[in-house]
Structure formats: structure tokens, C-alpha cells
Amino acid sequence: MSDEEKHHHFFHHNKDEEDTSIESGIVEEVDYEKEEKHHKHLEHFGELGAAAASAYALHEKHQAEKDPEHAKQHKIEEEIAAAAAVAAGGYAFHEKHEKKEAEEENDEAHGKKHHHLFG
């Protein structure tokens, strides 16, 4: 039986497109510090988006009071901005969690921290 017949795959891949890095012994190192920094930047973008959307929602609330002729439109835009602020806050929270996971993986990779579930 040749090597081609021994390989079993769950997905149908073209033989030329297969990843040979595992077969050749090349293992890629993951730079957890770079990943942590990346998630930190994305967290800050989420915070900035939440602040900007909140400020716009307050602006539209003020415009609704100031311009009663178009108050309905301003209130709609206020609600949309408030929803965007909540979404951006959730994204920032998600990225904070991802940053924390990357930090823990970095600590485990360098032997600084181990998970002890029992004892």
C-alpha cells in the first residue's frame, strides 16, 4: 500500500493543496504576546466606538429637544446610536476576554502558570 492510499481525510483535498508542515516536522510557534497586543488594540477600538456612539446618541437626544419639527427622526437616530454603543461595548468586552485568554496561553507556554483543577 503506497503513502497516497494510507492517508485518510474527512474532507476531500487536492493532493497538491495539502499542508505538509506537520509531515515535514515544521511546527509554527504562536506568538502569544503579539496576539495579546492585537486583542488589546481591538478592545480599545471597541471602547472608542462605544464612546463615540454614546456621544452621538446624546447629541441626537439634544437635537430632538431642540428641533421639535424633526424630533421623531432624531429619536430614531438616538436609539440606533444607543444600540451601536451597546454593541461596541459588547465587542470591547469580548476582546478583553480574548486578550485574557492569550495572556493565559502565553503564561502556560512559558511555564509561568499551570491550571490546577483539583488540589
PDB file of N, CA and C in Angstrom:
ATOM      1  N   MET A   1       0.846  -1.159   0.000  1.00  0.00           N
ATOM      2  CA  MET A   1       0.000   0.000   0.000  1.00  0.00           C
ATOM      3  C   MET A   1       0.902   1.235   0.000  1.00  0.00           C
ATOM      4  N   SER A   2       0.688   2.163  -0.915  1.00  0.00           N
ATOM      5  CA  SER A   2       1.537   3.349  -1.021  1.00  0.00           C
ATOM      6  C   SER A   2       1.103   4.400  -0.009  1.00  0.00           C
ATOM      7  N   ASP A   3       1.938   5.455   0.145  1.00  0.00           N
ATOM      8  CA  ASP A   3       1.632   6.532   1.079  1.00  0.00           C
ATOM      9  C   ASP A   3       0.346   7.255   0.704  1.00  0.00           C
ATOM     10  N   GLU A   4       0.075   7.355  -0.597  1.00  0.00           N
ATOM     11  CA  GLU A   4      -1.128   8.043  -1.038  1.00  0.00           C
ATOM     12  C   GLU A   4      -2.391   7.325  -0.578  1.00  0.00           C
ATOM     13  N   GLU A   5      -2.351   6.015  -0.534  1.00  0.00           N
ATOM     14  CA  GLU A   5      -3.519   5.235  -0.152  1.00  0.00           C
ATOM     15  C   GLU A   5      -3.703   5.194   1.365  1.00  0.00           C
ATOM     16  N   LYS A   6      -2.645   5.425   2.127  1.00  0.00           N
ATOM     17  CA  LYS A   6      -2.718   5.359   3.587  1.00  0.00           C
ATOM     18  C   LYS A   6      -3.382   6.587   4.202  1.00  0.00           C
ATOM     19  N   HIS A   7      -3.312   7.732   3.538  1.00  0.00           N
ATOM     20  CA  HIS A   7      -3.865   8.961   4.091  1.00  0.00           C
ATOM     21  C   HIS A   7      -5.381   8.956   3.981  1.00  0.00           C
ATOM     22  N   HIS A   8      -6.035   9.112   5.113  1.00  0.00           N
ATOM     23  CA  HIS A   8      -7.487   9.215   5.141  1.00  0.00           C
ATOM     24  C   HIS A   8      -7.833  10.621   5.597  1.00  0.00           C
ATOM     25  N   HIS A   9      -8.700  11.272   4.866  1.00  0.00           N
ATOM     26  CA  HIS A   9      -9.095  12.628   5.196  1.00  0.00           C
ATOM     27  C   HIS A   9     -10.610  12.697   5.290  1.00  0.00           C
ATOM     28  N   PHE A  10     -11.070  13.543   6.206  1.00  0.00           N
ATOM     29  CA  PHE A  10     -12.506  13.756   6.318  1.00  0.00           C
ATOM     30  C   PHE A  10     -13.003  14.658   5.200  1.00  0.00           C
ATOM     31  N   PHE A  11     -12.155  15.550   4.751  1.00  0.00           N
ATOM     32  CA  PHE A  11     -12.522  16.453   3.675  1.00  0.00           C
ATOM     33  C   PHE A  11     -11.740  16.052   2.435  1.00  0.00           C
ATOM     34  N   HIS A  12     -12.328  16.303   1.303  1.00  0.00           N
ATOM     35  CA  HIS A  12     -11.667  15.952   0.055  1.00  0.00           C
ATOM     36  C   HIS A  12     -10.748  17.080  -0.349  1.00  0.00           C
ATOM     37  N   HIS A  13      -9.470  16.865  -0.202  1.00  0.00           N
ATOM     38  CA  HIS A  13      -8.467  17.858  -0.562  1.00  0.00           C
ATOM     39  C   HIS A  13      -7.752  17.399  -1.807  1.00  0.00           C
ATOM     40  N   ASN A  14      -7.300  18.361  -2.534  1.00  0.00           N
ATOM     41  CA  ASN A  14      -6.445  18.060  -3.655  1.00  0.00           C
ATOM     42  C   ASN A  14      -5.075  17.684  -3.098  1.00  0.00           C
ATOM     43  N   LYS A  15      -4.453  16.686  -3.654  1.00  0.00           N
ATOM     44  CA  LYS A  15      -3.181  16.209  -3.122  1.00  0.00           C
ATOM     45  C   LYS A  15      -2.129  17.318  -3.106  1.00  0.00           C
ATOM     46  N   ASP A  16      -2.174  18.208  -4.078  1.00  0.00           N
ATOM     47  CA  ASP A  16      -1.191  19.282  -4.159  1.00  0.00           C
ATOM     48  C   ASP A  16      -1.453  20.388  -3.143  1.00  0.00           C
ATOM     49  N   GLU A  17      -2.686  20.507  -2.662  1.00  0.00           N
ATOM     50  CA  GLU A  17      -3.041  21.583  -1.753  1.00  0.00           C
ATOM     51  C   GLU A  17      -2.876  21.214  -0.290  1.00  0.00           C
ATOM     52  N   GLU A  18      -2.484  20.010   0.030  1.00  0.00           N
ATOM     53  CA  GLU A  18      -2.380  19.576   1.417  1.00  0.00           C
ATOM     54  C   GLU A  18      -1.258  20.301   2.150  1.00  0.00           C
ATOM     55  N   ASP A  19      -1.470  20.523   3.424  1.00  0.00           N
ATOM     56  CA  ASP A  19      -0.459  21.154   4.274  1.00  0.00           C
ATOM     57  C   ASP A  19       0.548  20.087   4.675  1.00  0.00           C
ATOM     58  N   THR A  20       1.785  20.278   4.295  1.00  0.00           N
ATOM     59  CA  THR A  20       2.818  19.289   4.586  1.00  0.00           C
ATOM     60  C   THR A  20       3.685  19.709   5.758  1.00  0.00           C
ATOM     61  N   SER A  21       3.306  20.781   6.452  1.00  0.00           N
ATOM     62  CA  SER A  21       4.157  21.266   7.538  1.00  0.00           C
ATOM     63  C   SER A  21       4.259  20.255   8.673  1.00  0.00           C
ATOM     64  N   ILE A  22       3.188  19.539   8.961  1.00  0.00           N
ATOM     65  CA  ILE A  22       3.219  18.538  10.031  1.00  0.00           C
ATOM     66  C   ILE A  22       4.049  17.334   9.596  1.00  0.00           C
ATOM     67  N   GLU A  23       3.854  16.927   8.343  1.00  0.00           N
ATOM     68  CA  GLU A  23       4.588  15.764   7.835  1.00  0.00           C
ATOM     69  C   GLU A  23       6.084  16.025   7.766  1.00  0.00           C
ATOM     70  N   SER A  24       6.466  17.260   7.469  1.00  0.00           N
ATOM     71  CA  SER A  24       7.886  17.559   7.335  1.00  0.00           C
ATOM     72  C   SER A  24       8.532  17.921   8.670  1.00  0.00           C
ATOM     73  N   GLY A  25       7.735  17.972   9.740  1.00  0.00           N
ATOM     74  CA  GLY A  25       8.291  18.244  11.061  1.00  0.00           C
ATOM     75  C   GLY A  25       8.370  19.708  11.412  1.00  0.00           C
ATOM     76  N   ILE A  26       7.830  20.592  10.593  1.00  0.00           N
ATOM     77  CA  ILE A  26       7.854  22.018  10.866  1.00  0.00           C
ATOM     78  C   ILE A  26       6.628  22.361  11.698  1.00  0.00           C
ATOM     79  N   VAL A  27       6.858  22.925  12.865  1.00  0.00           N
ATOM     80  CA  VAL A  27       5.767  23.337  13.736  1.00  0.00           C
ATOM     81  C   VAL A  27       5.885  24.838  13.931  1.00  0.00           C
ATOM     82  N   GLU A  28       4.791  25.560  13.656  1.00  0.00           N
ATOM     83  CA  GLU A  28       4.820  27.006  13.791  1.00  0.00           C
ATOM     84  C   GLU A  28       4.613  27.404  15.243  1.00  0.00           C
ATOM     85  N   GLU A  29       5.430  28.343  15.711  1.00  0.00           N
ATOM     86  CA  GLU A  29       5.288  28.883  17.055  1.00  0.00           C
ATOM     87  C   GLU A  29       4.231  29.980  17.015  1.00  0.00           C
ATOM     88  N   VAL A  30       3.391  30.022  18.014  1.00  0.00           N
ATOM     89  CA  VAL A  30       2.393  31.065  18.126  1.00  0.00           C
ATOM     90  C   VAL A  30       2.959  32.151  19.029  1.00  0.00           C
ATOM     91  N   ASP A  31       2.932  33.367  18.550  1.00  0.00           N
ATOM     92  CA  ASP A  31       3.426  34.493  19.332  1.00  0.00           C
ATOM     93  C   ASP A  31       2.266  35.031  20.156  1.00  0.00           C
ATOM     94  N   TYR A  32       2.152  34.538  21.398  1.00  0.00           N
ATOM     95  CA  TYR A  32       1.025  34.902  22.244  1.00  0.00           C
ATOM     96  C   TYR A  32       1.080  36.361  22.673  1.00  0.00           C
ATOM     97  N   GLU A  33       2.274  36.908  22.810  1.00  0.00           N
ATOM     98  CA  GLU A  33       2.394  38.316  23.190  1.00  0.00           C
ATOM     99  C   GLU A  33       1.849  39.211  22.081  1.00  0.00           C
ATOM    100  N   LYS A  34       2.143  38.840  20.830  1.00  0.00           N
ATOM    101  CA  LYS A  34       1.630  39.605  19.702  1.00  0.00           C
ATOM    102  C   LYS A  34       0.105  39.486  19.627  1.00  0.00           C
ATOM    103  N   GLU A  35      -0.405  38.285  19.885  1.00  0.00           N
ATOM    104  CA  GLU A  35      -1.851  38.072  19.886  1.00  0.00           C
ATOM    105  C   GLU A  35      -2.516  38.874  21.006  1.00  0.00           C
ATOM    106  N   GLU A  36      -1.891  38.901  22.175  1.00  0.00           N
ATOM    107  CA  GLU A  36      -2.423  39.664  23.307  1.00  0.00           C
ATOM    108  C   GLU A  36      -2.472  41.153  22.971  1.00  0.00           C
ATOM    109  N   LYS A  37      -1.408  41.646  22.354  1.00  0.00           N
ATOM    110  CA  LYS A  37      -1.343  43.054  21.971  1.00  0.00           C
ATOM    111  C   LYS A  37      -2.419  43.385  20.931  1.00  0.00           C
ATOM    112  N   HIS A  38      -2.634  42.458  19.993  1.00  0.00           N
ATOM    113  CA  HIS A  38      -3.642  42.632  18.953  1.00  0.00           C
ATOM    114  C   HIS A  38      -5.032  42.755  19.572  1.00  0.00           C
ATOM    115  N   HIS A  39      -5.352  41.877  20.529  1.00  0.00           N
ATOM    116  CA  HIS A  39      -6.662  41.921  21.161  1.00  0.00           C
ATOM    117  C   HIS A  39      -6.806  43.167  22.038  1.00  0.00           C
ATOM    118  N   LYS A  40      -5.707  43.630  22.601  1.00  0.00           N
ATOM    119  CA  LYS A  40      -5.750  44.859  23.400  1.00  0.00           C
ATOM    120  C   LYS A  40      -6.104  46.047  22.514  1.00  0.00           C
ATOM    121  N   HIS A  41      -5.508  46.097  21.328  1.00  0.00           N
ATOM    122  CA  HIS A  41      -5.825  47.180  20.398  1.00  0.00           C
ATOM    123  C   HIS A  41      -7.283  47.111  19.955  1.00  0.00           C
ATOM    124  N   LEU A  42      -7.773  45.904  19.669  1.00  0.00           N
ATOM    125  CA  LEU A  42      -9.167  45.770  19.267  1.00  0.00           C
ATOM    126  C   LEU A  42     -10.114  46.129  20.409  1.00  0.00           C
ATOM    127  N   GLU A  43      -9.719  45.814  21.634  1.00  0.00           N
ATOM    128  CA  GLU A  43     -10.520  46.205  22.798  1.00  0.00           C
ATOM    129  C   GLU A  43     -10.621  47.726  22.877  1.00  0.00           C
ATOM    130  N   HIS A  44      -9.518  48.400  22.650  1.00  0.00           N
ATOM    131  CA  HIS A  44      -9.524  49.863  22.700  1.00  0.00           C
ATOM    132  C   HIS A  44     -10.376  50.454  21.582  1.00  0.00           C
ATOM    133  N   PHE A  45     -10.354  49.819  20.394  1.00  0.00           N
ATOM    134  CA  PHE A  45     -11.221  50.275  19.307  1.00  0.00           C
ATOM    135  C   PHE A  45     -12.687  50.102  19.685  1.00  0.00           C
ATOM    136  N   GLY A  46     -13.012  49.013  20.348  1.00  0.00           N
ATOM    137  CA  GLY A  46     -14.379  48.801  20.811  1.00  0.00           C
ATOM    138  C   GLY A  46     -14.803  49.845  21.819  1.00  0.00           C
ATOM    139  N   GLU A  47     -13.902  50.175  22.747  1.00  0.00           N
ATOM    140  CA  GLU A  47     -14.198  51.218  23.734  1.00  0.00           C
ATOM    141  C   GLU A  47     -14.395  52.570  23.059  1.00  0.00           C
ATOM    142  N   LEU A  48     -13.545  52.859  22.082  1.00  0.00           N
ATOM    143  CA  LEU A  48     -13.657  54.121  21.354  1.00  0.00           C
ATOM    144  C   LEU A  48     -14.979  54.177  20.593  1.00  0.00           C
ATOM    145  N   GLY A  49     -15.366  53.073  19.973  1.00  0.00           N
ATOM    146  CA  GLY A  49     -16.642  53.022  19.259  1.00  0.00           C
ATOM    147  C   GLY A  49     -17.820  53.212  20.188  1.00  0.00           C
ATOM    148  N   ALA A  50     -17.749  52.624  21.375  1.00  0.00           N
ATOM    149  CA  ALA A  50     -18.825  52.779  22.354  1.00  0.00           C
ATOM    150  C   ALA A  50     -18.935  54.232  22.807  1.00  0.00           C
ATOM    151  N   ALA A  51     -17.795  54.867  23.038  1.00  0.00           N
ATOM    152  CA  ALA A  51     -17.800  56.274  23.466  1.00  0.00           C
ATOM    153  C   ALA A  51     -18.347  57.173  22.358  1.00  0.00           C
ATOM    154  N   ALA A  52     -17.925  56.920  21.127  1.00  0.00           N
ATOM    155  CA  ALA A  52     -18.382  57.749  20.009  1.00  0.00           C
ATOM    156  C   ALA A  52     -19.887  57.576  19.779  1.00  0.00           C
ATOM    157  N   ALA A  53     -20.367  56.353  19.811  1.00  0.00           N
ATOM    158  CA  ALA A  53     -21.792  56.108  19.598  1.00  0.00           C
ATOM    159  C   ALA A  53     -22.618  56.702  20.735  1.00  0.00           C
ATOM    160  N   SER A  54     -22.107  56.628  21.960  1.00  0.00           N
ATOM    161  CA  SER A  54     -22.804  57.231  23.099  1.00  0.00           C
ATOM    162  C   SER A  54     -22.887  58.743  22.952  1.00  0.00           C
ATOM    163  N   ALA A  55     -21.796  59.348  22.528  1.00  0.00           N
ATOM    164  CA  ALA A  55     -21.783  60.797  22.331  1.00  0.00           C
ATOM    165  C   ALA A  55     -22.770  61.196  21.234  1.00  0.00           C
ATOM    166  N   TYR A  56     -22.831  60.411  20.171  1.00  0.00           N
ATOM    167  CA  TYR A  56     -23.769  60.709  19.082  1.00  0.00           C
ATOM    168  C   TYR A  56     -25.214  60.540  19.558  1.00  0.00           C
ATOM    169  N   ALA A  57     -25.465  59.538  20.390  1.00  0.00           N
ATOM    170  CA  ALA A  57     -26.815  59.337  20.929  1.00  0.00           C
ATOM    171  C   ALA A  57     -27.229  60.538  21.776  1.00  0.00           C
ATOM    172  N   LEU A  58     -26.302  61.034  22.592  1.00  0.00           N
ATOM    173  CA  LEU A  58     -26.611  62.225  23.400  1.00  0.00           C
ATOM    174  C   LEU A  58     -26.846  63.451  22.522  1.00  0.00           C
ATOM    175  N   HIS A  59     -26.070  63.555  21.457  1.00  0.00           N
ATOM    176  CA  HIS A  59     -26.251  64.666  20.518  1.00  0.00           C
ATOM    177  C   HIS A  59     -27.635  64.605  19.886  1.00  0.00           C
ATOM    178  N   GLU A  60     -28.054  63.435  19.461  1.00  0.00           N
ATOM    179  CA  GLU A  60     -29.369  63.287  18.838  1.00  0.00           C
ATOM    180  C   GLU A  60     -30.496  63.539  19.844  1.00  0.00           C
ATOM    181  N   LYS A  61     -30.285  63.168  21.091  1.00  0.00           N
ATOM    182  CA  LYS A  61     -31.283  63.442  22.129  1.00  0.00           C
ATOM    183  C   LYS A  61     -31.446  64.952  22.293  1.00  0.00           C
ATOM    184  N   HIS A  62     -30.320  65.649  22.287  1.00  0.00           N
ATOM    185  CA  HIS A  62     -30.355  67.102  22.392  1.00  0.00           C
ATOM    186  C   HIS A  62     -31.043  67.710  21.169  1.00  0.00           C
ATOM    187  N   GLN A  63     -30.757  67.183  19.985  1.00  0.00           N
ATOM    188  CA  GLN A  63     -31.368  67.687  18.756  1.00  0.00           C
ATOM    189  C   GLN A  63     -32.874  67.454  18.755  1.00  0.00           C
ATOM    190  N   ALA A  64     -33.317  66.330  19.327  1.00  0.00           N
ATOM    191  CA  ALA A  64     -34.755  66.048  19.390  1.00  0.00           C
ATOM    192  C   ALA A  64     -35.473  67.087  20.247  1.00  0.00           C
ATOM    193  N   GLU A  65     -34.834  67.513  21.321  1.00  0.00           N
ATOM    194  CA  GLU A  65     -35.422  68.537  22.185  1.00  0.00           C
ATOM    195  C   GLU A  65     -35.359  69.917  21.528  1.00  0.00           C
ATOM    196  N   LYS A  66     -34.293  70.169  20.792  1.00  0.00           N
ATOM    197  CA  LYS A  66     -34.052  71.472  20.183  1.00  0.00           C
ATOM    198  C   LYS A  66     -34.888  71.680  18.918  1.00  0.00           C
ATOM    199  N   ASP A  67     -35.153  70.593  18.178  1.00  0.00           N
ATOM    200  CA  ASP A  67     -35.842  70.675  16.890  1.00  0.00           C
ATOM    201  C   ASP A  67     -37.113  69.826  16.936  1.00  0.00           C
ATOM    202  N   PRO A  68     -38.197  70.372  17.506  1.00  0.00           N
ATOM    203  CA  PRO A  68     -39.416  69.557  17.675  1.00  0.00           C
ATOM    204  C   PRO A  68     -40.054  69.132  16.349  1.00  0.00           C
ATOM    205  N   GLU A  69     -39.777  69.869  15.277  1.00  0.00           N
ATOM    206  CA  GLU A  69     -40.350  69.519  13.977  1.00  0.00           C
ATOM    207  C   GLU A  69     -39.824  68.170  13.475  1.00  0.00           C
ATOM    208  N   HIS A  70     -38.563  67.868  13.756  1.00  0.00           N
ATOM    209  CA  HIS A  70     -37.941  66.606  13.324  1.00  0.00           C
ATOM    210  C   HIS A  70     -37.590  65.706  14.511  1.00  0.00           C
ATOM    211  N   ALA A  71     -38.293  65.854  15.610  1.00  0.00           N
ATOM    212  CA  ALA A  71     -37.978  65.128  16.845  1.00  0.00           C
ATOM    213  C   ALA A  71     -38.063  63.617  16.663  1.00  0.00           C
ATOM    214  N   LYS A  72     -39.048  63.183  15.873  1.00  0.00           N
ATOM    215  CA  LYS A  72     -39.211  61.731  15.688  1.00  0.00           C
ATOM    216  C   LYS A  72     -37.975  61.128  15.014  1.00  0.00           C
ATOM    217  N   GLN A  73     -37.474  61.800  13.985  1.00  0.00           N
ATOM    218  CA  GLN A  73     -36.284  61.312  13.282  1.00  0.00           C
ATOM    219  C   GLN A  73     -35.069  61.312  14.207  1.00  0.00           C
ATOM    220  N   HIS A  74     -34.930  62.355  15.019  1.00  0.00           N
ATOM    221  CA  HIS A  74     -33.795  62.431  15.953  1.00  0.00           C
ATOM    222  C   HIS A  74     -33.880  61.339  17.018  1.00  0.00           C
ATOM    223  N   LYS A  75     -35.088  61.031  17.472  1.00  0.00           N
ATOM    224  CA  LYS A  75     -35.246  59.970  18.469  1.00  0.00           C
ATOM    225  C   LYS A  75     -34.899  58.605  17.878  1.00  0.00           C
ATOM    226  N   ILE A  76     -35.247  58.392  16.617  1.00  0.00           N
ATOM    227  CA  ILE A  76     -34.887  57.131  15.951  1.00  0.00           C
ATOM    228  C   ILE A  76     -33.373  57.016  15.851  1.00  0.00           C
ATOM    229  N   GLU A  77     -32.723  58.101  15.420  1.00  0.00           N
ATOM    230  CA  GLU A  77     -31.264  58.087  15.309  1.00  0.00           C
ATOM    231  C   GLU A  77     -30.603  57.932  16.673  1.00  0.00           C
ATOM    232  N   GLU A  78     -31.219  58.497  17.708  1.00  0.00           N
ATOM    233  CA  GLU A  78     -30.702  58.332  19.066  1.00  0.00           C
ATOM    234  C   GLU A  78     -30.737  56.861  19.477  1.00  0.00           C
ATOM    235  N   GLU A  79     -31.852  56.197  19.199  1.00  0.00           N
ATOM    236  CA  GLU A  79     -31.987  54.776  19.556  1.00  0.00           C
ATOM    237  C   GLU A  79     -30.998  53.907  18.785  1.00  0.00           C
ATOM    238  N   ILE A  80     -30.791  54.208  17.520  1.00  0.00           N
ATOM    239  CA  ILE A  80     -29.822  53.454  16.711  1.00  0.00           C
ATOM    240  C   ILE A  80     -28.415  53.645  17.263  1.00  0.00           C
ATOM    241  N   ALA A  81     -28.075  54.886  17.614  1.00  0.00           N
ATOM    242  CA  ALA A  81     -26.747  55.163  18.179  1.00  0.00           C
ATOM    243  C   ALA A  81     -26.574  54.476  19.527  1.00  0.00           C
ATOM    244  N   ALA A  82     -27.646  54.439  20.323  1.00  0.00           N
ATOM    245  CA  ALA A  82     -27.563  53.767  21.622  1.00  0.00           C
ATOM    246  C   ALA A  82     -27.336  52.264  21.427  1.00  0.00           C
ATOM    247  N   ALA A  83     -28.009  51.668  20.447  1.00  0.00           N
ATOM    248  CA  ALA A  83     -27.815  50.241  20.159  1.00  0.00           C
ATOM    249  C   ALA A  83     -26.389  49.982  19.675  1.00  0.00           C
ATOM    250  N   ALA A  84     -25.860  50.886  18.860  1.00  0.00           N
ATOM    251  CA  ALA A  84     -24.478  50.747  18.390  1.00  0.00           C
ATOM    252  C   ALA A  84     -23.497  50.858  19.549  1.00  0.00           C
ATOM    253  N   ALA A  85     -23.805  51.720  20.504  1.00  0.00           N
ATOM    254  CA  ALA A  85     -22.935  51.871  21.679  1.00  0.00           C
ATOM    255  C   ALA A  85     -22.922  50.592  22.503  1.00  0.00           C
ATOM    256  N   VAL A  86     -24.086  49.971  22.666  1.00  0.00           N
ATOM    257  CA  VAL A  86     -24.158  48.715  23.413  1.00  0.00           C
ATOM    258  C   VAL A  86     -23.387  47.617  22.678  1.00  0.00           C
ATOM    259  N   ALA A  87     -23.547  47.568  21.358  1.00  0.00           N
ATOM    260  CA  ALA A  87     -22.837  46.561  20.564  1.00  0.00           C
ATOM    261  C   ALA A  87     -21.320  46.761  20.652  1.00  0.00           C
ATOM    262  N   ALA A  88     -20.869  47.987  20.558  1.00  0.00           N
ATOM    263  CA  ALA A  88     -19.435  48.271  20.651  1.00  0.00           C
ATOM    264  C   ALA A  88     -18.902  47.935  22.037  1.00  0.00           C
ATOM    265  N   GLY A  89     -19.705  48.189  23.061  1.00  0.00           N
ATOM    266  CA  GLY A  89     -19.304  47.812  24.418  1.00  0.00           C
ATOM    267  C   GLY A  89     -19.185  46.305  24.556  1.00  0.00           C
ATOM    268  N   GLY A  90     -20.114  45.571  23.958  1.00  0.00           N
ATOM    269  CA  GLY A  90     -20.041  44.109  23.977  1.00  0.00           C
ATOM    270  C   GLY A  90     -18.824  43.598  23.237  1.00  0.00           C
ATOM    271  N   TYR A  91     -18.492  44.247  22.122  1.00  0.00           N
ATOM    272  CA  TYR A  91     -17.302  43.859  21.363  1.00  0.00           C
ATOM    273  C   TYR A  91     -16.041  44.116  22.187  1.00  0.00           C
ATOM    274  N   ALA A  92     -15.993  45.241  22.880  1.00  0.00           N
ATOM    275  CA  ALA A  92     -14.836  45.551  23.737  1.00  0.00           C
ATOM    276  C   ALA A  92     -14.705  44.516  24.847  1.00  0.00           C
ATOM    277  N   PHE A  93     -15.837  44.119  25.428  1.00  0.00           N
ATOM    278  CA  PHE A  93     -15.822  43.096  26.472  1.00  0.00           C
ATOM    279  C   PHE A  93     -15.333  41.759  25.918  1.00  0.00           C
ATOM    280  N   HIS A  94     -15.779  41.412  24.706  1.00  0.00           N
ATOM    281  CA  HIS A  94     -15.335  40.170  24.061  1.00  0.00           C
ATOM    282  C   HIS A  94     -13.830  40.200  23.834  1.00  0.00           C
ATOM    283  N   GLU A  95     -13.306  41.303  23.346  1.00  0.00           N
ATOM    284  CA  GLU A  95     -11.872  41.404  23.079  1.00  0.00           C
ATOM    285  C   GLU A  95     -11.064  41.385  24.369  1.00  0.00           C
ATOM    286  N   LYS A  96     -11.624  41.920  25.440  1.00  0.00           N
ATOM    287  CA  LYS A  96     -10.943  41.854  26.738  1.00  0.00           C
ATOM    288  C   LYS A  96     -10.799  40.400  27.160  1.00  0.00           C
ATOM    289  N   HIS A  97     -11.849  39.607  26.929  1.00  0.00           N
ATOM    290  CA  HIS A  97     -11.809  38.183  27.256  1.00  0.00           C
ATOM    291  C   HIS A  97     -10.773  37.458  26.381  1.00  0.00           C
ATOM    292  N   GLU A  98     -10.731  37.786  25.099  1.00  0.00           N
ATOM    293  CA  GLU A  98      -9.752  37.178  24.191  1.00  0.00           C
ATOM    294  C   GLU A  98      -8.322  37.551  24.604  1.00  0.00           C
ATOM    295  N   LYS A  99      -8.126  38.792  25.034  1.00  0.00           N
ATOM    296  CA  LYS A  99      -6.809  39.239  25.495  1.00  0.00           C
ATOM    297  C   LYS A  99      -6.386  38.447  26.725  1.00  0.00           C
ATOM    298  N   LYS A 100      -7.338  38.227  27.621  1.00  0.00           N
ATOM    299  CA  LYS A 100      -7.045  37.479  28.841  1.00  0.00           C
ATOM    300  C   LYS A 100      -6.674  36.034  28.509  1.00  0.00           C
ATOM    301  N   GLU A 101      -7.377  35.424  27.562  1.00  0.00           N
ATOM    302  CA  GLU A 101      -7.049  34.057  27.145  1.00  0.00           C
ATOM    303  C   GLU A 101      -5.656  33.991  26.533  1.00  0.00           C
ATOM    304  N   ALA A 102      -5.317  34.969  25.699  1.00  0.00           N
ATOM    305  CA  ALA A 102      -3.989  34.995  25.087  1.00  0.00           C
ATOM    306  C   ALA A 102      -2.912  35.161  26.153  1.00  0.00           C
ATOM    307  N   GLU A 103      -3.189  35.958  27.169  1.00  0.00           N
ATOM    308  CA  GLU A 103      -2.236  36.142  28.262  1.00  0.00           C
ATOM    309  C   GLU A 103      -2.031  34.834  29.027  1.00  0.00           C
ATOM    310  N   GLU A 104      -3.132  34.117  29.292  1.00  0.00           N
ATOM    311  CA  GLU A 104      -3.026  32.836  29.995  1.00  0.00           C
ATOM    312  C   GLU A 104      -2.270  31.807  29.158  1.00  0.00           C
ATOM    313  N   GLU A 105      -2.520  31.781  27.844  1.00  0.00           N
ATOM    314  CA  GLU A 105      -1.801  30.861  26.965  1.00  0.00           C
ATOM    315  C   GLU A 105      -0.313  31.189  26.935  1.00  0.00           C
ATOM    316  N   ASN A 106       0.000  32.484  26.956  1.00  0.00           N
ATOM    317  CA  ASN A 106       1.393  32.910  26.981  1.00  0.00           C
ATOM    318  C   ASN A 106       2.067  32.440  28.271  1.00  0.00           C
ATOM    319  N   ASP A 107       1.369  32.592  29.390  1.00  0.00           N
ATOM    320  CA  ASP A 107       1.926  32.152  30.671  1.00  0.00           C
ATOM    321  C   ASP A 107       2.136  30.643  30.692  1.00  0.00           C
ATOM    322  N   GLU A 108       1.177  29.898  30.155  1.00  0.00           N
ATOM    323  CA  GLU A 108       1.308  28.439  30.116  1.00  0.00           C
ATOM    324  C   GLU A 108       2.441  28.006  29.190  1.00  0.00           C
ATOM    325  N   ALA A 109       2.581  28.702  28.064  1.00  0.00           N
ATOM    326  CA  ALA A 109       3.625  28.348  27.104  1.00  0.00           C
ATOM    327  C   ALA A 109       5.022  28.580  27.674  1.00  0.00           C
ATOM    328  N   HIS A 110       5.144  29.553  28.557  1.00  0.00           N
ATOM    329  CA  HIS A 110       6.441  29.860  29.142  1.00  0.00           C
ATOM    330  C   HIS A 110       6.606  29.273  30.543  1.00  0.00           C
ATOM    331  N   GLY A 111       5.680  28.415  30.954  1.00  0.00           N
ATOM    332  CA  GLY A 111       5.806  27.715  32.231  1.00  0.00           C
ATOM    333  C   GLY A 111       5.568  28.566  33.454  1.00  0.00           C
ATOM    334  N   LYS A 112       4.929  29.707  33.293  1.00  0.00           N
ATOM    335  CA  LYS A 112       4.716  30.595  34.434  1.00  0.00           C
ATOM    336  C   LYS A 112       3.477  30.220  35.232  1.00  0.00           C
ATOM    337  N   LYS A 113       2.531  29.581  34.578  1.00  0.00           N
ATOM    338  CA  LYS A 113       1.262  29.338  35.229  1.00  0.00           C
ATOM    339  C   LYS A 113       0.710  27.995  34.746  1.00  0.00           C
ATOM    340  N   HIS A 114       0.134  27.245  35.655  1.00  0.00           N
ATOM    341  CA  HIS A 114      -0.468  25.979  35.302  1.00  0.00           C
ATOM    342  C   HIS A 114      -1.879  25.943  35.832  1.00  0.00           C
ATOM    343  N   HIS A 115      -2.743  25.289  35.098  1.00  0.00           N
ATOM    344  CA  HIS A 115      -4.121  25.123  35.586  1.00  0.00           C
ATOM    345  C   HIS A 115      -4.175  23.918  36.513  1.00  0.00           C
ATOM    346  N   HIS A 116      -4.549  24.166  37.725  1.00  0.00           N
ATOM    347  CA  HIS A 116      -4.755  23.096  38.683  1.00  0.00           C
ATOM    348  C   HIS A 116      -6.236  23.054  39.008  1.00  0.00           C
ATOM    349  N   LEU A 117      -6.907  22.060  38.473  1.00  0.00           N
ATOM    350  CA  LEU A 117      -8.338  21.983  38.700  1.00  0.00           C
ATOM    351  C   LEU A 117      -8.671  21.347  40.039  1.00  0.00           C
ATOM    352  N   PHE A 118      -7.920  20.348  40.428  1.00  0.00           N
ATOM    353  CA  PHE A 118      -8.174  19.646  41.685  1.00  0.00           C
ATOM    354  C   PHE A 118      -6.899  19.598  42.521  1.00  0.00           C
ATOM    355  N   GLY A 119      -6.878  20.361  43.587  1.00  0.00           N
ATOM    356  CA  GLY A 119      -5.756  20.284  44.511  1.00  0.00           C
ATOM    357  C   GLY A 119      -4.621  21.139  44.276  1.00  0.00           C
TER     358      GLY A 119
END
